[in-house]
Protein backbone atom coordinates (compact mmCIF):
# COMPACT_ATOMS: atom_id res chain seq x y z
CA MET A 1 3.59 -19.43 -18.96
CA LYS A 2 4.24 -22.07 -21.06
CA ILE A 3 0.83 -23.18 -23.45
CA THR A 4 1.12 -26.45 -23.92
CA ASP A 5 -1.54 -29.17 -25.76
CA GLU A 6 -2.52 -30.94 -22.66
CA THR A 7 -3.48 -26.94 -21.48
CA ILE A 8 -4.82 -26.68 -24.84
CA ASP A 9 -6.78 -30.18 -24.79
CA TYR A 10 -7.91 -29.07 -21.29
CA VAL A 11 -9.42 -25.48 -22.60
CA SER A 12 -11.02 -27.55 -25.32
CA ALA A 13 -12.34 -29.91 -23.57
CA LEU A 14 -13.78 -27.05 -20.91
CA ALA A 15 -15.09 -25.62 -24.29
CA LYS A 16 -17.01 -29.28 -25.50
CA LEU A 17 -14.82 -28.24 -28.40
CA VAL A 18 -13.10 -30.86 -30.64
CA LEU A 19 -9.89 -29.63 -32.54
CA SER A 20 -8.20 -30.74 -35.47
CA GLN A 21 -4.27 -30.44 -34.94
CA GLU A 22 -3.92 -27.28 -37.37
CA GLU A 23 -5.99 -25.79 -34.78
CA LYS A 24 -4.68 -26.90 -31.67
CA GLU A 25 -1.56 -25.49 -32.46
CA LYS A 26 -2.90 -21.66 -33.80
CA ALA A 27 -5.27 -21.99 -30.26
CA GLU A 28 -1.61 -22.51 -28.26
CA VAL A 29 0.13 -19.31 -30.49
CA ASP A 30 -3.21 -16.82 -29.58
CA LEU A 31 -3.76 -18.30 -26.18
CA GLY A 32 0.47 -17.34 -25.97
CA ASN A 33 -0.29 -14.11 -27.45
CA ILE A 34 -2.97 -13.37 -24.58
CA LEU A 35 -0.82 -14.15 -21.83
CA GLY A 36 1.65 -12.25 -23.01
CA TYR A 37 -0.31 -9.04 -23.64
CA ILE A 38 -1.63 -9.52 -19.98
CA GLU A 39 1.48 -9.83 -18.66
CA THR A 40 2.54 -6.05 -20.73
CA MET A 41 -0.90 -5.18 -18.42
CA ASN A 42 0.52 -6.11 -15.18
CA GLU A 43 3.33 -4.33 -15.35
CA LEU A 44 1.76 -1.03 -16.35
CA ASP A 45 1.39 1.50 -13.05
CA THR A 46 -2.28 1.62 -11.70
CA GLU A 47 -2.01 3.03 -8.40
CA GLY A 48 -4.33 5.55 -8.10
CA ILE A 49 -6.58 4.72 -10.84
CA GLU A 50 -10.25 3.19 -9.65
CA PRO A 51 -12.16 0.30 -11.26
CA MET A 52 -14.60 0.64 -13.67
CA SER A 53 -17.24 -2.34 -15.22
CA HIS A 54 -16.96 -0.07 -18.47
CA ALA A 55 -14.72 1.74 -20.41
CA PHE A 56 -17.92 4.51 -20.94
CA PRO A 57 -19.23 6.15 -18.66
CA LEU A 58 -22.44 5.09 -18.10
CA LYS A 59 -25.85 7.35 -17.43
CA ASN A 60 -29.78 5.88 -15.97
CA VAL A 61 -31.17 6.49 -19.21
CA PHE A 62 -35.39 5.92 -17.28
CA ARG A 63 -36.95 8.11 -16.19
CA GLU A 64 -38.32 8.05 -12.30
CA ASP A 65 -41.43 5.82 -11.56
CA VAL A 66 -43.44 7.84 -10.37
CA VAL A 67 -47.28 6.81 -10.55
CA THR A 68 -49.51 8.85 -12.80
CA ASN A 69 -52.72 7.49 -12.95
CA GLY A 70 -53.62 7.10 -8.90
CA ASP A 71 -56.14 5.43 -7.17
CA ASP A 72 -59.11 5.71 -9.92
CA ARG A 73 -60.02 2.55 -8.87
CA ASP A 74 -63.97 3.28 -9.40
CA ASN A 75 -63.40 4.55 -12.64
CA VAL A 76 -61.58 1.11 -14.07
CA LEU A 77 -64.09 -0.83 -12.35
CA SER A 78 -67.24 0.95 -14.22
CA ASN A 79 -66.55 -1.34 -17.06
CA ALA A 80 -66.10 -4.48 -15.73
CA PRO A 81 -68.59 -6.79 -16.25
CA VAL A 82 -68.57 -8.00 -12.50
CA LYS A 83 -67.70 -6.72 -9.34
CA LYS A 84 -67.24 -7.15 -6.05
CA ASP A 85 -66.39 -5.43 -3.02
CA GLY A 86 -63.97 -3.35 -5.27
CA SER A 87 -62.51 -5.62 -7.45
CA PHE A 88 -62.81 -7.75 -10.84
CA VAL A 89 -64.80 -11.09 -10.77
CA VAL A 90 -63.11 -13.53 -13.01
CA PRO A 91 -64.26 -17.36 -13.74
CA LYS A 92 -62.48 -20.01 -12.04
CA THR A 93 -59.38 -21.03 -13.31
CA VAL A 94 -58.64 -23.84 -11.49
CA GLU A 95 -60.40 -26.62 -9.28
């Protein structure tokens, strides 16, 4: 695919960039190189290769979400200045 000045103008407008003529020429070369590399990669035989989302294998590093404090309502409410029916009583904040 040939990169034209119109293509560079279109892409720079999408990216909200104002490019000088020198920058447009460099972008034209760079985009041409990128597309050339993609064409080279399209020639590779990828039959039987599983798609992946990352280059490196990822594993979940988070611990399991396990409840450790259980049902300790009475102990928690023991420090409440005002409580009613097993809940904290707080001042009304909405009229």
